[in-house]
Amino acid sequence: MEILEGCLDGQNLKIAIAVSRFNEVVTKSLLEGAVAQLKRAAVSESDITVAWVPGAFELPGIAARFAKSGEFDAVIVLGAVIRGTTPHFDHVSNAVSSGIAHLAREGKIPVIFGVLTTDTVEQAMDRAGLKCGNKGTDAALAAVEMANLHKRIS
């Protein structure tokens, strides 16, 4: 039996990060967590490319450009969609989730979903480093592991 696993060595990996500017107080913390973790995994800062987009709805489009460019080993998508008093939350979170899932299924490179969908700002802040760890850090670990697994399979 052959068991395939990715490793957490980020040397020579090129990672793209798409991050939403909307709810920047949250997304900036997610980005900082992701970049710090990538560096701990030995990804060179010069091999990390960050693209800021206006809102979460724009994330799948820029992630697709990164994925199809052939320049990166993985894409991390970071954002925060916080429920309000209108159905806007449902439309945006569904569109972002569907778009990122579609890219991930294509399988060209790993596309890692690091978009928080929470009911409150407090929940988002907790998941961006206050109380529940930093989901940006988790996304970075997943990106390194999955990029290495993709390399083993190809």
N, C-alpha and C. Protein backbone atom coordinates (compact mmCIF):
# COMPACT_ATOMS: atom_id res chain seq x y z
N MET A 1 0.84 -1.17 0.00
CA MET A 1 0.00 0.00 0.00
C MET A 1 0.89 1.24 0.00
N GLU A 2 0.58 2.17 -0.88
CA GLU A 2 1.31 3.44 -0.93
C GLU A 2 0.46 4.52 -0.27
N ILE A 3 1.08 5.24 0.63
CA ILE A 3 0.41 6.35 1.31
C ILE A 3 1.09 7.64 0.90
N LEU A 4 0.32 8.56 0.37
CA LEU A 4 0.85 9.85 -0.07
C LEU A 4 0.46 10.92 0.93
N GLU A 5 1.44 11.72 1.32
CA GLU A 5 1.20 12.84 2.22
C GLU A 5 2.08 14.00 1.78
N GLY A 6 1.61 15.19 2.01
CA GLY A 6 2.44 16.36 1.77
C GLY A 6 3.26 16.64 3.01
N CYS A 7 4.33 17.37 2.83
CA CYS A 7 5.15 17.76 3.98
C CYS A 7 5.00 19.27 4.20
N LEU A 8 5.54 19.75 5.29
CA LEU A 8 5.40 21.15 5.64
C LEU A 8 6.67 21.95 5.36
N ASP A 9 7.45 21.50 4.40
CA ASP A 9 8.66 22.22 3.98
C ASP A 9 8.30 23.10 2.79
N GLY A 10 8.37 24.41 3.01
CA GLY A 10 7.98 25.36 1.97
C GLY A 10 9.10 25.86 1.09
N GLN A 11 10.31 25.29 1.25
CA GLN A 11 11.42 25.74 0.41
C GLN A 11 11.07 25.59 -1.06
N ASN A 12 11.39 26.62 -1.82
CA ASN A 12 11.19 26.66 -3.27
C ASN A 12 9.73 26.66 -3.71
N LEU A 13 8.81 26.86 -2.78
CA LEU A 13 7.40 26.99 -3.18
C LEU A 13 7.08 28.46 -3.44
N LYS A 14 6.24 28.69 -4.43
CA LYS A 14 5.74 30.03 -4.73
C LYS A 14 4.26 30.04 -4.38
N ILE A 15 3.90 30.94 -3.49
CA ILE A 15 2.54 30.99 -2.96
C ILE A 15 1.91 32.35 -3.27
N ALA A 16 0.69 32.30 -3.78
CA ALA A 16 -0.09 33.52 -4.02
C ALA A 16 -1.17 33.62 -2.95
N ILE A 17 -1.42 34.84 -2.51
CA ILE A 17 -2.46 35.08 -1.52
C ILE A 17 -3.39 36.16 -2.07
N ALA A 18 -4.67 35.83 -2.15
CA ALA A 18 -5.70 36.79 -2.52
C ALA A 18 -6.42 37.17 -1.24
N VAL A 19 -6.49 38.47 -0.94
CA VAL A 19 -7.08 38.91 0.33
C VAL A 19 -8.04 40.06 0.09
N SER A 20 -9.15 40.01 0.78
CA SER A 20 -10.20 41.01 0.65
C SER A 20 -9.92 42.22 1.55
N ARG A 21 -10.08 43.40 0.98
CA ARG A 21 -9.89 44.63 1.76
C ARG A 21 -11.10 44.91 2.66
N PHE A 22 -12.29 44.47 2.24
CA PHE A 22 -13.49 44.68 3.07
C PHE A 22 -13.32 43.90 4.37
N ASN A 23 -13.64 44.51 5.49
CA ASN A 23 -13.38 43.95 6.83
C ASN A 23 -11.88 43.81 7.07
N GLU A 24 -11.15 44.83 6.65
CA GLU A 24 -9.68 44.79 6.69
C GLU A 24 -9.12 44.59 8.10
N VAL A 25 -9.82 45.04 9.11
CA VAL A 25 -9.31 44.83 10.47
C VAL A 25 -9.18 43.33 10.74
N VAL A 26 -10.01 42.52 10.11
CA VAL A 26 -9.95 41.07 10.25
C VAL A 26 -8.98 40.48 9.23
N THR A 27 -9.13 40.87 7.97
CA THR A 27 -8.34 40.23 6.91
C THR A 27 -6.86 40.54 7.01
N LYS A 28 -6.53 41.72 7.53
CA LYS A 28 -5.11 42.05 7.71
C LYS A 28 -4.47 41.08 8.71
N SER A 29 -5.19 40.73 9.76
CA SER A 29 -4.67 39.76 10.74
C SER A 29 -4.54 38.37 10.12
N LEU A 30 -5.52 38.00 9.29
CA LEU A 30 -5.42 36.71 8.59
C LEU A 30 -4.18 36.68 7.71
N LEU A 31 -3.97 37.76 6.97
CA LEU A 31 -2.80 37.84 6.09
C LEU A 31 -1.51 37.78 6.88
N GLU A 32 -1.42 38.53 7.97
CA GLU A 32 -0.21 38.50 8.79
C GLU A 32 0.07 37.10 9.31
N GLY A 33 -0.99 36.40 9.74
CA GLY A 33 -0.82 35.02 10.22
C GLY A 33 -0.34 34.10 9.11
N ALA A 34 -0.91 34.25 7.92
CA ALA A 34 -0.53 33.40 6.79
C ALA A 34 0.93 33.64 6.40
N VAL A 35 1.31 34.89 6.26
CA VAL A 35 2.68 35.21 5.84
C VAL A 35 3.69 34.73 6.89
N ALA A 36 3.40 34.96 8.15
CA ALA A 36 4.31 34.51 9.21
C ALA A 36 4.47 32.99 9.18
N GLN A 37 3.38 32.27 8.97
CA GLN A 37 3.46 30.80 8.92
C GLN A 37 4.22 30.33 7.69
N LEU A 38 3.99 30.97 6.55
CA LEU A 38 4.73 30.60 5.35
C LEU A 38 6.23 30.77 5.57
N LYS A 39 6.62 31.87 6.20
CA LYS A 39 8.04 32.09 6.48
C LYS A 39 8.58 31.02 7.43
N ARG A 40 7.79 30.65 8.45
CA ARG A 40 8.22 29.58 9.37
C ARG A 40 8.39 28.26 8.64
N ALA A 41 7.63 28.08 7.56
CA ALA A 41 7.73 26.84 6.77
C ALA A 41 8.82 26.95 5.71
N ALA A 42 9.62 28.00 5.75
CA ALA A 42 10.77 28.20 4.86
C ALA A 42 10.39 28.69 3.46
N VAL A 43 9.18 29.25 3.30
CA VAL A 43 8.86 29.91 2.04
C VAL A 43 9.55 31.27 2.08
N SER A 44 10.30 31.58 1.05
CA SER A 44 11.00 32.85 0.97
C SER A 44 10.00 33.98 0.77
N GLU A 45 10.23 35.09 1.44
CA GLU A 45 9.33 36.24 1.30
C GLU A 45 9.21 36.68 -0.17
N SER A 46 10.28 36.53 -0.92
CA SER A 46 10.24 36.90 -2.33
C SER A 46 9.40 35.93 -3.17
N ASP A 47 9.02 34.79 -2.59
CA ASP A 47 8.18 33.81 -3.28
C ASP A 47 6.72 33.89 -2.84
N ILE A 48 6.36 34.95 -2.12
CA ILE A 48 4.99 35.19 -1.69
C ILE A 48 4.46 36.41 -2.42
N THR A 49 3.35 36.26 -3.12
CA THR A 49 2.71 37.36 -3.84
C THR A 49 1.34 37.58 -3.24
N VAL A 50 1.04 38.83 -2.89
CA VAL A 50 -0.24 39.18 -2.28
C VAL A 50 -1.00 40.13 -3.21
N ALA A 51 -2.27 39.81 -3.43
CA ALA A 51 -3.15 40.70 -4.19
C ALA A 51 -4.34 41.07 -3.31
N TRP A 52 -4.51 42.37 -3.08
CA TRP A 52 -5.67 42.88 -2.36
C TRP A 52 -6.79 43.13 -3.35
N VAL A 53 -8.00 42.70 -3.01
CA VAL A 53 -9.18 42.97 -3.83
C VAL A 53 -10.20 43.72 -2.98
N PRO A 54 -11.15 44.41 -3.62
CA PRO A 54 -12.09 45.23 -2.84
C PRO A 54 -12.91 44.46 -1.81
N GLY A 55 -13.46 43.32 -2.21
CA GLY A 55 -14.32 42.57 -1.29
C GLY A 55 -14.22 41.08 -1.54
N ALA A 56 -14.91 40.31 -0.73
CA ALA A 56 -14.86 38.85 -0.84
C ALA A 56 -15.39 38.36 -2.19
N PHE A 57 -16.37 39.04 -2.74
CA PHE A 57 -16.95 38.61 -4.01
C PHE A 57 -15.91 38.56 -5.12
N GLU A 58 -14.89 39.40 -5.04
CA GLU A 58 -13.85 39.46 -6.07
C GLU A 58 -12.76 38.41 -5.89
N LEU A 59 -12.76 37.70 -4.78
CA LEU A 59 -11.70 36.73 -4.49
C LEU A 59 -11.60 35.59 -5.50
N PRO A 60 -12.70 34.94 -5.90
CA PRO A 60 -12.55 33.84 -6.85
C PRO A 60 -11.93 34.26 -8.18
N GLY A 61 -12.23 35.46 -8.64
CA GLY A 61 -11.68 35.92 -9.92
C GLY A 61 -10.17 36.05 -9.88
N ILE A 62 -9.66 36.70 -8.85
CA ILE A 62 -8.20 36.89 -8.78
C ILE A 62 -7.52 35.56 -8.45
N ALA A 63 -8.18 34.72 -7.64
CA ALA A 63 -7.61 33.40 -7.35
C ALA A 63 -7.50 32.57 -8.63
N ALA A 64 -8.49 32.69 -9.52
CA ALA A 64 -8.45 31.97 -10.80
C ALA A 64 -7.28 32.46 -11.64
N ARG A 65 -7.06 33.77 -11.66
CA ARG A 65 -5.92 34.30 -12.43
C ARG A 65 -4.61 33.74 -11.89
N PHE A 66 -4.46 33.74 -10.57
CA PHE A 66 -3.26 33.16 -9.96
C PHE A 66 -3.12 31.69 -10.35
N ALA A 67 -4.19 30.93 -10.19
CA ALA A 67 -4.13 29.48 -10.43
C ALA A 67 -3.79 29.15 -11.87
N LYS A 68 -4.28 29.94 -12.79
CA LYS A 68 -4.09 29.64 -14.22
C LYS A 68 -2.80 30.25 -14.78
N SER A 69 -2.11 31.05 -13.97
CA SER A 69 -0.90 31.73 -14.46
C SER A 69 0.28 30.78 -14.66
N GLY A 70 0.30 29.68 -13.94
CA GLY A 70 1.43 28.76 -14.01
C GLY A 70 2.63 29.21 -13.20
N GLU A 71 2.48 30.30 -12.46
CA GLU A 71 3.60 30.85 -11.69
C GLU A 71 3.64 30.39 -10.24
N PHE A 72 2.56 29.77 -9.75
CA PHE A 72 2.45 29.50 -8.31
C PHE A 72 2.21 28.02 -8.04
N ASP A 73 2.61 27.60 -6.85
CA ASP A 73 2.39 26.23 -6.41
C ASP A 73 1.09 26.08 -5.63
N ALA A 74 0.58 27.17 -5.08
CA ALA A 74 -0.68 27.16 -4.34
C ALA A 74 -1.21 28.58 -4.24
N VAL A 75 -2.52 28.67 -4.03
CA VAL A 75 -3.19 29.96 -3.82
C VAL A 75 -3.94 29.88 -2.49
N ILE A 76 -3.77 30.90 -1.68
CA ILE A 76 -4.52 31.03 -0.43
C ILE A 76 -5.52 32.17 -0.63
N VAL A 77 -6.76 31.94 -0.26
CA VAL A 77 -7.81 32.96 -0.39
C VAL A 77 -8.26 33.35 1.01
N LEU A 78 -8.12 34.65 1.34
CA LEU A 78 -8.45 35.14 2.68
C LEU A 78 -9.51 36.23 2.60
N GLY A 79 -10.50 36.14 3.45
CA GLY A 79 -11.54 37.16 3.50
C GLY A 79 -12.37 36.98 4.76
N ALA A 80 -13.30 37.90 4.94
CA ALA A 80 -14.22 37.83 6.08
C ALA A 80 -15.58 38.36 5.63
N VAL A 81 -16.56 37.48 5.67
CA VAL A 81 -17.94 37.86 5.35
C VAL A 81 -18.71 37.75 6.66
N ILE A 82 -19.21 38.88 7.12
CA ILE A 82 -19.87 38.94 8.42
C ILE A 82 -21.36 39.22 8.20
N ARG A 83 -22.19 38.41 8.83
CA ARG A 83 -23.64 38.51 8.65
C ARG A 83 -24.13 39.90 9.08
N GLY A 84 -25.01 40.44 8.30
CA GLY A 84 -25.66 41.71 8.63
C GLY A 84 -27.15 41.50 8.72
N THR A 85 -27.90 42.53 8.46
CA THR A 85 -29.35 42.44 8.59
C THR A 85 -30.05 42.20 7.25
N THR A 86 -29.28 42.02 6.19
CA THR A 86 -29.88 41.76 4.87
C THR A 86 -29.37 40.42 4.35
N PRO A 87 -29.97 39.90 3.27
CA PRO A 87 -29.52 38.62 2.71
C PRO A 87 -28.18 38.71 1.97
N HIS A 88 -27.57 39.87 1.94
CA HIS A 88 -26.29 40.05 1.25
C HIS A 88 -25.26 39.01 1.69
N PHE A 89 -25.20 38.73 2.98
CA PHE A 89 -24.27 37.74 3.53
C PHE A 89 -24.39 36.41 2.80
N ASP A 90 -25.62 35.94 2.64
CA ASP A 90 -25.85 34.64 2.01
C ASP A 90 -25.38 34.63 0.57
N HIS A 91 -25.68 35.70 -0.16
CA HIS A 91 -25.28 35.76 -1.57
C HIS A 91 -23.76 35.79 -1.71
N VAL A 92 -23.10 36.62 -0.93
CA VAL A 92 -21.65 36.74 -1.03
C VAL A 92 -20.96 35.47 -0.57
N SER A 93 -21.33 34.94 0.59
CA SER A 93 -20.65 33.75 1.09
C SER A 93 -20.87 32.56 0.16
N ASN A 94 -22.07 32.42 -0.40
CA ASN A 94 -22.32 31.33 -1.35
C ASN A 94 -21.50 31.50 -2.62
N ALA A 95 -21.43 32.71 -3.15
CA ALA A 95 -20.67 32.94 -4.38
C ALA A 95 -19.18 32.68 -4.17
N VAL A 96 -18.64 33.15 -3.06
CA VAL A 96 -17.22 32.96 -2.78
C VAL A 96 -16.92 31.47 -2.58
N SER A 97 -17.73 30.81 -1.78
CA SER A 97 -17.51 29.38 -1.52
C SER A 97 -17.59 28.58 -2.81
N SER A 98 -18.59 28.84 -3.62
CA SER A 98 -18.74 28.11 -4.89
C SER A 98 -17.58 28.37 -5.83
N GLY A 99 -17.17 29.64 -5.93
CA GLY A 99 -16.07 29.99 -6.83
C GLY A 99 -14.76 29.34 -6.43
N ILE A 100 -14.46 29.36 -5.16
CA ILE A 100 -13.21 28.76 -4.68
C ILE A 100 -13.27 27.24 -4.79
N ALA A 101 -14.42 26.66 -4.47
CA ALA A 101 -14.56 25.20 -4.59
C ALA A 101 -14.38 24.77 -6.04
N HIS A 102 -14.91 25.53 -6.97
CA HIS A 102 -14.75 25.21 -8.39
C HIS A 102 -13.28 25.20 -8.78
N LEU A 103 -12.54 26.22 -8.36
CA LEU A 103 -11.11 26.28 -8.66
C LEU A 103 -10.36 25.10 -8.03
N ALA A 104 -10.69 24.78 -6.80
CA ALA A 104 -10.02 23.69 -6.11
C ALA A 104 -10.28 22.36 -6.84
N ARG A 105 -11.51 22.18 -7.32
CA ARG A 105 -11.85 20.93 -8.03
C ARG A 105 -11.10 20.80 -9.34
N GLU A 106 -10.77 21.94 -9.97
CA GLU A 106 -10.02 21.87 -11.22
C GLU A 106 -8.68 21.17 -11.01
N GLY A 107 -8.09 21.33 -9.82
CA GLY A 107 -6.91 20.58 -9.46
C GLY A 107 -5.61 21.02 -10.10
N LYS A 108 -5.58 22.16 -10.78
CA LYS A 108 -4.32 22.62 -11.38
C LYS A 108 -3.27 22.83 -10.28
N ILE A 109 -3.65 23.58 -9.27
CA ILE A 109 -2.83 23.75 -8.07
C ILE A 109 -3.80 23.84 -6.89
N PRO A 110 -3.31 23.65 -5.67
CA PRO A 110 -4.20 23.77 -4.52
C PRO A 110 -4.71 25.21 -4.37
N VAL A 111 -5.98 25.34 -4.09
CA VAL A 111 -6.59 26.63 -3.78
C VAL A 111 -7.21 26.48 -2.40
N ILE A 112 -6.68 27.22 -1.45
CA ILE A 112 -7.02 27.03 -0.04
C ILE A 112 -8.02 28.09 0.41
N PHE A 113 -9.12 27.64 0.98
CA PHE A 113 -10.22 28.49 1.42
C PHE A 113 -9.94 29.00 2.83
N GLY A 114 -9.65 30.28 2.94
CA GLY A 114 -9.42 30.92 4.24
C GLY A 114 -10.36 32.10 4.43
N VAL A 115 -11.60 31.93 4.02
CA VAL A 115 -12.59 33.00 4.14
C VAL A 115 -13.46 32.71 5.35
N LEU A 116 -13.47 33.63 6.29
CA LEU A 116 -14.31 33.48 7.47
C LEU A 116 -15.74 33.88 7.11
N THR A 117 -16.70 33.10 7.55
CA THR A 117 -18.11 33.45 7.40
C THR A 117 -18.70 33.37 8.80
N THR A 118 -18.91 34.52 9.41
CA THR A 118 -19.31 34.56 10.81
C THR A 118 -20.56 35.41 11.00
N ASP A 119 -21.16 35.24 12.15
CA ASP A 119 -22.34 36.02 12.50
C ASP A 119 -21.98 37.40 13.04
N THR A 120 -20.82 37.52 13.68
CA THR A 120 -20.45 38.78 14.32
C THR A 120 -19.00 39.14 14.05
N VAL A 121 -18.69 40.40 14.25
CA VAL A 121 -17.31 40.87 14.13
C VAL A 121 -16.45 40.18 15.19
N GLU A 122 -17.00 39.99 16.37
CA GLU A 122 -16.24 39.35 17.45
C GLU A 122 -15.82 37.94 17.06
N GLN A 123 -16.74 37.18 16.44
CA GLN A 123 -16.39 35.83 16.00
C GLN A 123 -15.27 35.88 14.96
N ALA A 124 -15.36 36.83 14.06
CA ALA A 124 -14.31 36.96 13.03
C ALA A 124 -12.97 37.31 13.66
N MET A 125 -12.98 38.25 14.59
CA MET A 125 -11.73 38.64 15.26
C MET A 125 -11.13 37.47 16.04
N ASP A 126 -12.00 36.70 16.69
CA ASP A 126 -11.52 35.52 17.43
C ASP A 126 -10.79 34.56 16.50
N ARG A 127 -11.29 34.39 15.28
CA ARG A 127 -10.70 33.44 14.32
C ARG A 127 -9.53 34.04 13.56
N ALA A 128 -9.32 35.34 13.74
CA ALA A 128 -8.19 36.01 13.11
C ALA A 128 -7.07 36.25 14.10
N GLY A 129 -7.09 35.52 15.21
CA GLY A 129 -5.96 35.57 16.11
C GLY A 129 -6.24 35.93 17.54
N LEU A 130 -7.46 36.34 17.88
CA LEU A 130 -7.71 36.74 19.26
C LEU A 130 -7.88 35.55 20.20
N LYS A 131 -8.81 34.63 19.89
CA LYS A 131 -9.11 33.55 20.83
C LYS A 131 -9.04 32.16 20.22
N CYS A 132 -9.30 32.04 18.96
CA CYS A 132 -9.45 30.71 18.33
C CYS A 132 -8.32 30.42 17.36
N GLY A 133 -7.14 30.89 17.64
CA GLY A 133 -6.05 30.73 16.67
C GLY A 133 -6.24 31.69 15.52
N ASN A 134 -5.44 31.51 14.49
CA ASN A 134 -5.53 32.39 13.33
C ASN A 134 -5.76 31.50 12.11
N LYS A 135 -6.92 31.65 11.49
CA LYS A 135 -7.27 30.82 10.34
C LYS A 135 -6.36 31.11 9.14
N GLY A 136 -5.72 32.26 9.10
CA GLY A 136 -4.72 32.54 8.07
C GLY A 136 -3.52 31.62 8.22
N THR A 137 -3.12 31.38 9.45
CA THR A 137 -2.04 30.45 9.74
C THR A 137 -2.41 29.04 9.29
N ASP A 138 -3.64 28.63 9.61
CA ASP A 138 -4.11 27.31 9.19
C ASP A 138 -4.11 27.18 7.67
N ALA A 139 -4.54 28.22 6.98
CA ALA A 139 -4.58 28.20 5.52
C ALA A 139 -3.17 28.08 4.94
N ALA A 140 -2.21 28.76 5.54
CA ALA A 140 -0.83 28.70 5.06
C ALA A 140 -0.26 27.29 5.22
N LEU A 141 -0.52 26.66 6.36
CA LEU A 141 -0.06 25.28 6.57
C LEU A 141 -0.68 24.35 5.52
N ALA A 142 -1.98 24.52 5.27
CA ALA A 142 -2.65 23.69 4.27
C ALA A 142 -2.06 23.92 2.89
N ALA A 143 -1.73 25.16 2.57
CA ALA A 143 -1.17 25.47 1.24
C ALA A 143 0.17 24.77 1.04
N VAL A 144 1.03 24.82 2.02
CA VAL A 144 2.35 24.18 1.91
C VAL A 144 2.18 22.66 1.79
N GLU A 145 1.37 22.10 2.66
CA GLU A 145 1.17 20.65 2.63
C GLU A 145 0.58 20.20 1.30
N MET A 146 -0.44 20.89 0.84
CA MET A 146 -1.10 20.50 -0.41
C MET A 146 -0.22 20.75 -1.64
N ALA A 147 0.56 21.81 -1.64
CA ALA A 147 1.48 22.06 -2.76
C ALA A 147 2.48 20.92 -2.87
N ASN A 148 3.01 20.48 -1.72
CA ASN A 148 3.95 19.36 -1.74
C ASN A 148 3.29 18.05 -2.15
N LEU A 149 2.05 17.84 -1.74
CA LEU A 149 1.32 16.64 -2.14
C LEU A 149 1.06 16.66 -3.65
N HIS A 150 0.66 17.81 -4.19
CA HIS A 150 0.47 17.91 -5.64
C HIS A 150 1.75 17.59 -6.39
N LYS A 151 2.89 18.06 -5.89
CA LYS A 151 4.17 17.78 -6.54
C LYS A 151 4.48 16.29 -6.51
N ARG A 152 4.16 15.62 -5.43
CA ARG A 152 4.41 14.17 -5.32
C ARG A 152 3.56 13.40 -6.30
N ILE A 153 2.33 13.86 -6.52
CA ILE A 153 1.42 13.13 -7.39
C ILE A 153 1.73 13.40 -8.87
N SER A 154 2.16 14.60 -9.19
CA SER A 154 2.46 14.89 -10.59
C SER A 154 3.84 14.37 -10.93
